[in-house]
Amino acid sequence: FGSSGGFGTSPAYHAAKGAVRTLTKNIALHW
């Protein structure tokens, strides 16, 4: 649900897990 809209519920969970997905790539490049 960090990369899909799931069932259209749980907006905070989707937003947070999507942020984790992108943050991971950002720090991977930085380090």
PDB file of all heavy atoms in Angstrom:
ATOM      1  N   PHE A   1       0.812  -1.211   0.000  1.00  0.00           N
ATOM      2  CA  PHE A   1       0.000   0.000   0.000  1.00  0.00           C
ATOM      3  C   PHE A   1       0.849   1.266   0.000  1.00  0.00           C
ATOM      4  O   PHE A   1       0.319   2.375  -0.006  1.00  0.00           O
ATOM      5  CB  PHE A   1      -0.952   0.004   1.198  1.00  0.00           C
ATOM      6  CG  PHE A   1      -2.050  -1.022   1.112  1.00  0.00           C
ATOM      7  CD1 PHE A   1      -2.765  -1.393   2.230  1.00  0.00           C
ATOM      8  CD2 PHE A   1      -2.371  -1.625  -0.105  1.00  0.00           C
ATOM      9  CE1 PHE A   1      -3.783  -2.330   2.149  1.00  0.00           C
ATOM     10  CE2 PHE A   1      -3.384  -2.573  -0.192  1.00  0.00           C
ATOM     11  CZ  PHE A   1      -4.092  -2.923   0.940  1.00  0.00           C
ATOM     12  N   GLY A   2       2.166   1.111  -0.003  1.00  0.00           N
ATOM     13  CA  GLY A   2       3.047   2.256  -0.217  1.00  0.00           C
ATOM     14  C   GLY A   2       3.206   2.592  -1.679  1.00  0.00           C
ATOM     15  O   GLY A   2       3.789   3.626  -2.031  1.00  0.00           O
ATOM     16  N   SER A   3       2.660   1.721  -2.541  1.00  0.00           N
ATOM     17  CA  SER A   3       2.777   1.918  -3.992  1.00  0.00           C
ATOM     18  C   SER A   3       1.452   1.780  -4.715  1.00  0.00           C
ATOM     19  O   SER A   3       1.403   1.885  -5.935  1.00  0.00           O
ATOM     20  CB  SER A   3       3.758   0.895  -4.578  1.00  0.00           C
ATOM     21  OG  SER A   3       5.030   1.006  -3.999  1.00  0.00           O
ATOM     22  N   SER A   4       0.386   1.522  -3.970  1.00  0.00           N
ATOM     23  CA  SER A   4      -0.930   1.371  -4.595  1.00  0.00           C
ATOM     24  C   SER A   4      -1.981   2.031  -3.713  1.00  0.00           C
ATOM     25  O   SER A   4      -1.721   2.356  -2.552  1.00  0.00           O
ATOM     26  CB  SER A   4      -1.277  -0.112  -4.781  1.00  0.00           C
ATOM     27  OG  SER A   4      -1.583  -0.713  -3.532  1.00  0.00           O
ATOM     28  N   GLY A   5      -3.169   2.205  -4.257  1.00  0.00           N
ATOM     29  CA  GLY A   5      -4.249   2.838  -3.495  1.00  0.00           C
ATOM     30  C   GLY A   5      -5.029   1.881  -2.638  1.00  0.00           C
ATOM     31  O   GLY A   5      -5.954   2.305  -1.929  1.00  0.00           O
ATOM     32  N   GLY A   6      -4.654   0.588  -2.698  1.00  0.00           N
ATOM     33  CA  GLY A   6      -5.312  -0.402  -1.853  1.00  0.00           C
ATOM     34  C   GLY A   6      -6.807  -0.454  -2.067  1.00  0.00           C
ATOM     35  O   GLY A   6      -7.288  -0.592  -3.190  1.00  0.00           O
ATOM     36  N   PHE A   7      -7.565  -0.301  -0.980  1.00  0.00           N
ATOM     37  CA  PHE A   7      -9.027  -0.375  -1.040  1.00  0.00           C
ATOM     38  C   PHE A   7      -9.676   0.995  -0.917  1.00  0.00           C
ATOM     39  O   PHE A   7     -10.882   1.102  -0.734  1.00  0.00           O
ATOM     40  CB  PHE A   7      -9.546  -1.299   0.065  1.00  0.00           C
ATOM     41  CG  PHE A   7      -8.980  -2.694  -0.004  1.00  0.00           C
ATOM     42  CD1 PHE A   7      -8.233  -3.202   1.045  1.00  0.00           C
ATOM     43  CD2 PHE A   7      -9.178  -3.484  -1.122  1.00  0.00           C
ATOM     44  CE1 PHE A   7      -7.699  -4.483   0.991  1.00  0.00           C
ATOM     45  CE2 PHE A   7      -8.663  -4.764  -1.194  1.00  0.00           C
ATOM     46  CZ  PHE A   7      -7.914  -5.270  -0.137  1.00  0.00           C
ATOM     47  N   GLY A   8      -8.861   2.066  -0.984  1.00  0.00           N
ATOM     48  CA  GLY A   8      -9.401   3.410  -0.883  1.00  0.00           C
ATOM     49  C   GLY A   8      -9.610   3.888   0.543  1.00  0.00           C
ATOM     50  O   GLY A   8     -10.122   4.984   0.765  1.00  0.00           O
ATOM     51  N   THR A   9      -9.214   3.074   1.512  1.00  0.00           N
ATOM     52  CA  THR A   9      -9.297   3.468   2.920  1.00  0.00           C
ATOM     53  C   THR A   9      -7.876   3.646   3.458  1.00  0.00           C
ATOM     54  O   THR A   9      -6.905   3.558   2.727  1.00  0.00           O
ATOM     55  CB  THR A   9     -10.039   2.396   3.738  1.00  0.00           C
ATOM     56  OG1 THR A   9      -9.385   1.125   3.552  1.00  0.00           O
ATOM     57  CG2 THR A   9     -11.491   2.282   3.281  1.00  0.00           C
ATOM     58  N   SER A  10      -7.762   3.898   4.754  1.00  0.00           N
ATOM     59  CA  SER A  10      -6.460   4.004   5.431  1.00  0.00           C
ATOM     60  C   SER A  10      -5.549   5.052   4.801  1.00  0.00           C
ATOM     61  O   SER A  10      -4.403   4.769   4.446  1.00  0.00           O
ATOM     62  CB  SER A  10      -5.756   2.635   5.419  1.00  0.00           C
ATOM     63  OG  SER A  10      -6.596   1.603   5.847  1.00  0.00           O
ATOM     64  N   PRO A  11      -5.998   6.296   4.656  1.00  0.00           N
ATOM     65  CA  PRO A  11      -5.185   7.293   3.956  1.00  0.00           C
ATOM     66  C   PRO A  11      -3.858   7.589   4.642  1.00  0.00           C
ATOM     67  O   PRO A  11      -2.843   7.780   3.962  1.00  0.00           O
ATOM     68  CB  PRO A  11      -6.087   8.536   3.932  1.00  0.00           C
ATOM     69  CG  PRO A  11      -7.057   8.335   5.058  1.00  0.00           C
ATOM     70  CD  PRO A  11      -7.296   6.864   5.108  1.00  0.00           C
ATOM     71  N   ALA A  12      -3.825   7.630   5.963  1.00  0.00           N
ATOM     72  CA  ALA A  12      -2.572   7.933   6.659  1.00  0.00           C
ATOM     73  C   ALA A  12      -1.566   6.803   6.472  1.00  0.00           C
ATOM     74  O   ALA A  12      -0.370   7.047   6.276  1.00  0.00           O
ATOM     75  CB  ALA A  12      -2.830   8.181   8.143  1.00  0.00           C
ATOM     76  N   TYR A  13      -2.031   5.571   6.529  1.00  0.00           N
ATOM     77  CA  TYR A  13      -1.148   4.415   6.341  1.00  0.00           C
ATOM     78  C   TYR A  13      -0.533   4.426   4.946  1.00  0.00           C
ATOM     79  O   TYR A  13       0.675   4.245   4.779  1.00  0.00           O
ATOM     80  CB  TYR A  13      -1.934   3.124   6.568  1.00  0.00           C
ATOM     81  CG  TYR A  13      -1.103   1.869   6.472  1.00  0.00           C
ATOM     82  CD1 TYR A  13      -0.307   1.467   7.543  1.00  0.00           C
ATOM     83  CD2 TYR A  13      -1.129   1.071   5.332  1.00  0.00           C
ATOM     84  CE1 TYR A  13       0.454   0.308   7.474  1.00  0.00           C
ATOM     85  CE2 TYR A  13      -0.381  -0.086   5.242  1.00  0.00           C
ATOM     86  CZ  TYR A  13       0.415  -0.470   6.324  1.00  0.00           C
ATOM     87  OH  TYR A  13       1.168  -1.622   6.240  1.00  0.00           O
ATOM     88  N   HIS A  14      -1.362   4.670   3.932  1.00  0.00           N
ATOM     89  CA  HIS A  14      -0.857   4.726   2.562  1.00  0.00           C
ATOM     90  C   HIS A  14       0.143   5.865   2.391  1.00  0.00           C
ATOM     91  O   HIS A  14       1.194   5.693   1.762  1.00  0.00           O
ATOM     92  CB  HIS A  14      -2.012   4.898   1.573  1.00  0.00           C
ATOM     93  CG  HIS A  14      -2.808   3.652   1.344  1.00  0.00           C
ATOM     94  ND1 HIS A  14      -3.651   3.132   2.301  1.00  0.00           N
ATOM     95  CD2 HIS A  14      -2.895   2.833   0.266  1.00  0.00           C
ATOM     96  CE1 HIS A  14      -4.224   2.044   1.819  1.00  0.00           C
ATOM     97  NE2 HIS A  14      -3.776   1.836   0.597  1.00  0.00           N
ATOM     98  N   ALA A  15      -0.186   7.016   2.944  1.00  0.00           N
ATOM     99  CA  ALA A  15       0.706   8.169   2.823  1.00  0.00           C
ATOM    100  C   ALA A  15       2.049   7.888   3.497  1.00  0.00           C
ATOM    101  O   ALA A  15       3.119   8.196   2.958  1.00  0.00           O
ATOM    102  CB  ALA A  15       0.056   9.405   3.436  1.00  0.00           C
ATOM    103  N   ALA A  16       2.002   7.302   4.690  1.00  0.00           N
ATOM    104  CA  ALA A  16       3.234   7.023   5.431  1.00  0.00           C
ATOM    105  C   ALA A  16       4.077   5.976   4.725  1.00  0.00           C
ATOM    106  O   ALA A  16       5.302   6.138   4.580  1.00  0.00           O
ATOM    107  CB  ALA A  16       2.895   6.562   6.848  1.00  0.00           C
ATOM    108  N   LYS A  17       3.462   4.896   4.277  1.00  0.00           N
ATOM    109  CA  LYS A  17       4.227   3.836   3.631  1.00  0.00           C
ATOM    110  C   LYS A  17       4.761   4.287   2.270  1.00  0.00           C
ATOM    111  O   LYS A  17       5.845   3.860   1.847  1.00  0.00           O
ATOM    112  CB  LYS A  17       3.366   2.581   3.488  1.00  0.00           C
ATOM    113  CG  LYS A  17       3.018   1.920   4.814  1.00  0.00           C
ATOM    114  CD  LYS A  17       4.254   1.493   5.591  1.00  0.00           C
ATOM    115  CE  LYS A  17       3.914   0.690   6.833  1.00  0.00           C
ATOM    116  NZ  LYS A  17       5.117   0.243   7.570  1.00  0.00           N
ATOM    117  N   GLY A  18       4.027   5.164   1.585  1.00  0.00           N
ATOM    118  CA  GLY A  18       4.547   5.739   0.349  1.00  0.00           C
ATOM    119  C   GLY A  18       5.756   6.619   0.623  1.00  0.00           C
ATOM    120  O   GLY A  18       6.741   6.624  -0.132  1.00  0.00           O
ATOM    121  N   ALA A  19       5.711   7.358   1.723  1.00  0.00           N
ATOM    122  CA  ALA A  19       6.846   8.196   2.104  1.00  0.00           C
ATOM    123  C   ALA A  19       8.064   7.347   2.442  1.00  0.00           C
ATOM    124  O   ALA A  19       9.196   7.691   2.085  1.00  0.00           O
ATOM    125  CB  ALA A  19       6.472   9.075   3.289  1.00  0.00           C
ATOM    126  N   VAL A  20       7.856   6.229   3.123  1.00  0.00           N
ATOM    127  CA  VAL A  20       8.964   5.328   3.450  1.00  0.00           C
ATOM    128  C   VAL A  20       9.609   4.794   2.179  1.00  0.00           C
ATOM    129  O   VAL A  20      10.841   4.697   2.078  1.00  0.00           O
ATOM    130  CB  VAL A  20       8.469   4.176   4.348  1.00  0.00           C
ATOM    131  CG1 VAL A  20       9.528   3.082   4.473  1.00  0.00           C
ATOM    132  CG2 VAL A  20       8.097   4.703   5.732  1.00  0.00           C
ATOM    133  N   ARG A  21       8.793   4.460   1.208  1.00  0.00           N
ATOM    134  CA  ARG A  21       9.314   3.964  -0.077  1.00  0.00           C
ATOM    135  C   ARG A  21      10.248   4.987  -0.717  1.00  0.00           C
ATOM    136  O   ARG A  21      11.364   4.656  -1.148  1.00  0.00           O
ATOM    137  CB  ARG A  21       8.143   3.663  -1.009  1.00  0.00           C
ATOM    138  CG  ARG A  21       8.516   3.371  -2.459  1.00  0.00           C
ATOM    139  CD  ARG A  21       7.252   3.071  -3.254  1.00  0.00           C
ATOM    140  NE  ARG A  21       7.548   2.865  -4.660  1.00  0.00           N
ATOM    141  CZ  ARG A  21       7.453   3.797  -5.595  1.00  0.00           C
ATOM    142  NH1 ARG A  21       7.061   5.031  -5.270  1.00  0.00           N
ATOM    143  NH2 ARG A  21       7.727   3.525  -6.851  1.00  0.00           N
ATOM    144  N   THR A  22       9.833   6.246  -0.781  1.00  0.00           N
ATOM    145  CA  THR A  22      10.641   7.270  -1.443  1.00  0.00           C
ATOM    146  C   THR A  22      11.812   7.701  -0.586  1.00  0.00           C
ATOM    147  O   THR A  22      12.918   7.952  -1.095  1.00  0.00           O
ATOM    148  CB  THR A  22       9.758   8.477  -1.797  1.00  0.00           C
ATOM    149  OG1 THR A  22       8.609   8.035  -2.525  1.00  0.00           O
ATOM    150  CG2 THR A  22      10.527   9.456  -2.660  1.00  0.00           C
ATOM    151  N   LEU A  23      11.614   7.803   0.732  1.00  0.00           N
ATOM    152  CA  LEU A  23      12.712   8.143   1.631  1.00  0.00           C
ATOM    153  C   LEU A  23      13.831   7.117   1.503  1.00  0.00           C
ATOM    154  O   LEU A  23      15.023   7.469   1.519  1.00  0.00           O
ATOM    155  CB  LEU A  23      12.207   8.195   3.076  1.00  0.00           C
ATOM    156  CG  LEU A  23      13.268   8.461   4.152  1.00  0.00           C
ATOM    157  CD1 LEU A  23      13.878   9.851   3.983  1.00  0.00           C
ATOM    158  CD2 LEU A  23      12.668   8.293   5.547  1.00  0.00           C
ATOM    159  N   THR A  24      13.468   5.862   1.383  1.00  0.00           N
ATOM    160  CA  THR A  24      14.467   4.799   1.229  1.00  0.00           C
ATOM    161  C   THR A  24      15.371   5.067   0.033  1.00  0.00           C
ATOM    162  O   THR A  24      16.604   4.967   0.130  1.00  0.00           O
ATOM    163  CB  THR A  24      13.765   3.444   1.063  1.00  0.00           C
ATOM    164  OG1 THR A  24      13.018   3.144   2.259  1.00  0.00           O
ATOM    165  CG2 THR A  24      14.766   2.328   0.798  1.00  0.00           C
ATOM    166  N   LYS A  25      14.781   5.405  -1.095  1.00  0.00           N
ATOM    167  CA  LYS A  25      15.575   5.671  -2.296  1.00  0.00           C
ATOM    168  C   LYS A  25      16.449   6.909  -2.109  1.00  0.00           C
ATOM    169  O   LYS A  25      17.611   6.946  -2.556  1.00  0.00           O
ATOM    170  CB  LYS A  25      14.647   5.844  -3.501  1.00  0.00           C
ATOM    171  CG  LYS A  25      13.848   4.585  -3.845  1.00  0.00           C
ATOM    172  CD  LYS A  25      12.937   4.837  -5.027  1.00  0.00           C
ATOM    173  CE  LYS A  25      12.053   3.622  -5.294  1.00  0.00           C
ATOM    174  NZ  LYS A  25      12.829   2.405  -5.611  1.00  0.00           N
ATOM    175  N   ASN A  26      15.899   7.916  -1.461  1.00  0.00           N
ATOM    176  CA  ASN A  26      16.639   9.148  -1.237  1.00  0.00           C
ATOM    177  C   ASN A  26      17.892   8.899  -0.402  1.00  0.00           C
ATOM    178  O   ASN A  26      19.001   9.359  -0.741  1.00  0.00           O
ATOM    179  CB  ASN A  26      15.725  10.162  -0.556  1.00  0.00           C
ATOM    180  CG  ASN A  26      16.425  11.460  -0.202  1.00  0.00           C
ATOM    181  OD1 ASN A  26      16.883  11.617   0.922  1.00  0.00           O
ATOM    182  ND2 ASN A  26      16.523  12.377  -1.146  1.00  0.00           N
ATOM    183  N   ILE A  27      17.744   8.156   0.701  1.00  0.00           N
ATOM    184  CA  ILE A  27      18.886   7.888   1.573  1.00  0.00           C
ATOM    185  C   ILE A  27      19.839   6.900   0.908  1.00  0.00           C
ATOM    186  O   ILE A  27      21.064   6.977   1.106  1.00  0.00           O
ATOM    187  CB  ILE A  27      18.431   7.371   2.948  1.00  0.00           C
ATOM    188  CG1 ILE A  27      17.419   8.341   3.580  1.00  0.00           C
ATOM    189  CG2 ILE A  27      19.619   7.193   3.880  1.00  0.00           C
ATOM    190  CD1 ILE A  27      17.937   9.751   3.755  1.00  0.00           C
ATOM    191  N   ALA A  28      19.318   5.979   0.110  1.00  0.00           N
ATOM    192  CA  ALA A  28      20.192   5.053  -0.614  1.00  0.00           C
ATOM    193  C   ALA A  28      21.152   5.815  -1.517  1.00  0.00           C
ATOM    194  O   ALA A  28      22.347   5.491  -1.600  1.00  0.00           O
ATOM    195  CB  ALA A  28      19.357   4.074  -1.439  1.00  0.00           C
ATOM    196  N   LEU A  29      20.663   6.840  -2.192  1.00  0.00           N
ATOM    197  CA  LEU A  29      21.520   7.657  -3.052  1.00  0.00           C
ATOM    198  C   LEU A  29      22.497   8.488  -2.222  1.00  0.00           C
ATOM    199  O   LEU A  29      23.683   8.605  -2.553  1.00  0.00           O
ATOM    200  CB  LEU A  29      20.666   8.568  -3.928  1.00  0.00           C
ATOM    201  CG  LEU A  29      19.788   7.866  -4.965  1.00  0.00           C
ATOM    202  CD1 LEU A  29      18.896   8.877  -5.667  1.00  0.00           C
ATOM    203  CD2 LEU A  29      20.633   7.107  -5.983  1.00  0.00           C
ATOM    204  N   HIS A  30      22.004   9.044  -1.122  1.00  0.00           N
ATOM    205  CA  HIS A  30      22.831   9.899  -0.270  1.00  0.00           C
ATOM    206  C   HIS A  30      23.992   9.128   0.344  1.00  0.00           C
ATOM    207  O   HIS A  30      25.099   9.676   0.505  1.00  0.00           O
ATOM    208  CB  HIS A  30      21.952  10.500   0.822  1.00  0.00           C
ATOM    209  CG  HIS A  30      22.645  11.469   1.715  1.00  0.00           C
ATOM    210  ND1 HIS A  30      23.284  12.603   1.257  1.00  0.00           N
ATOM    211  CD2 HIS A  30      22.803  11.474   3.078  1.00  0.00           C
ATOM    212  CE1 HIS A  30      23.798  13.271   2.268  1.00  0.00           C
ATOM    213  NE2 HIS A  30      23.528  12.608   3.387  1.00  0.00           N
ATOM    214  N   TRP A  31      23.761   7.843   0.672  1.00  0.00           N
ATOM    215  CA  TRP A  31      24.769   7.048   1.356  1.00  0.00           C
ATOM    216  C   TRP A  31      25.496   6.063   0.443  1.00  0.00           C
ATOM    217  O   TRP A  31      26.288   5.242   0.916  1.00  0.00           O
ATOM    218  CB  TRP A  31      24.127   6.284   2.511  1.00  0.00           C
ATOM    219  CG  TRP A  31      23.855   7.134   3.714  1.00  0.00           C
ATOM    220  CD1 TRP A  31      24.241   8.429   3.932  1.00  0.00           C
ATOM    221  CD2 TRP A  31      23.135   6.733   4.887  1.00  0.00           C
ATOM    222  NE1 TRP A  31      23.808   8.860   5.150  1.00  0.00           N
ATOM    223  CE2 TRP A  31      23.133   7.850   5.776  1.00  0.00           C
ATOM    224  CE3 TRP A  31      22.508   5.565   5.279  1.00  0.00           C
ATOM    225  CZ2 TRP A  31      22.504   7.809   7.015  1.00  0.00           C
ATOM    226  CZ3 TRP A  31      21.887   5.512   6.520  1.00  0.00           C
ATOM    227  CH2 TRP A  31      21.890   6.632   7.384  1.00  0.00           C
TER     228      TRP A  31
END
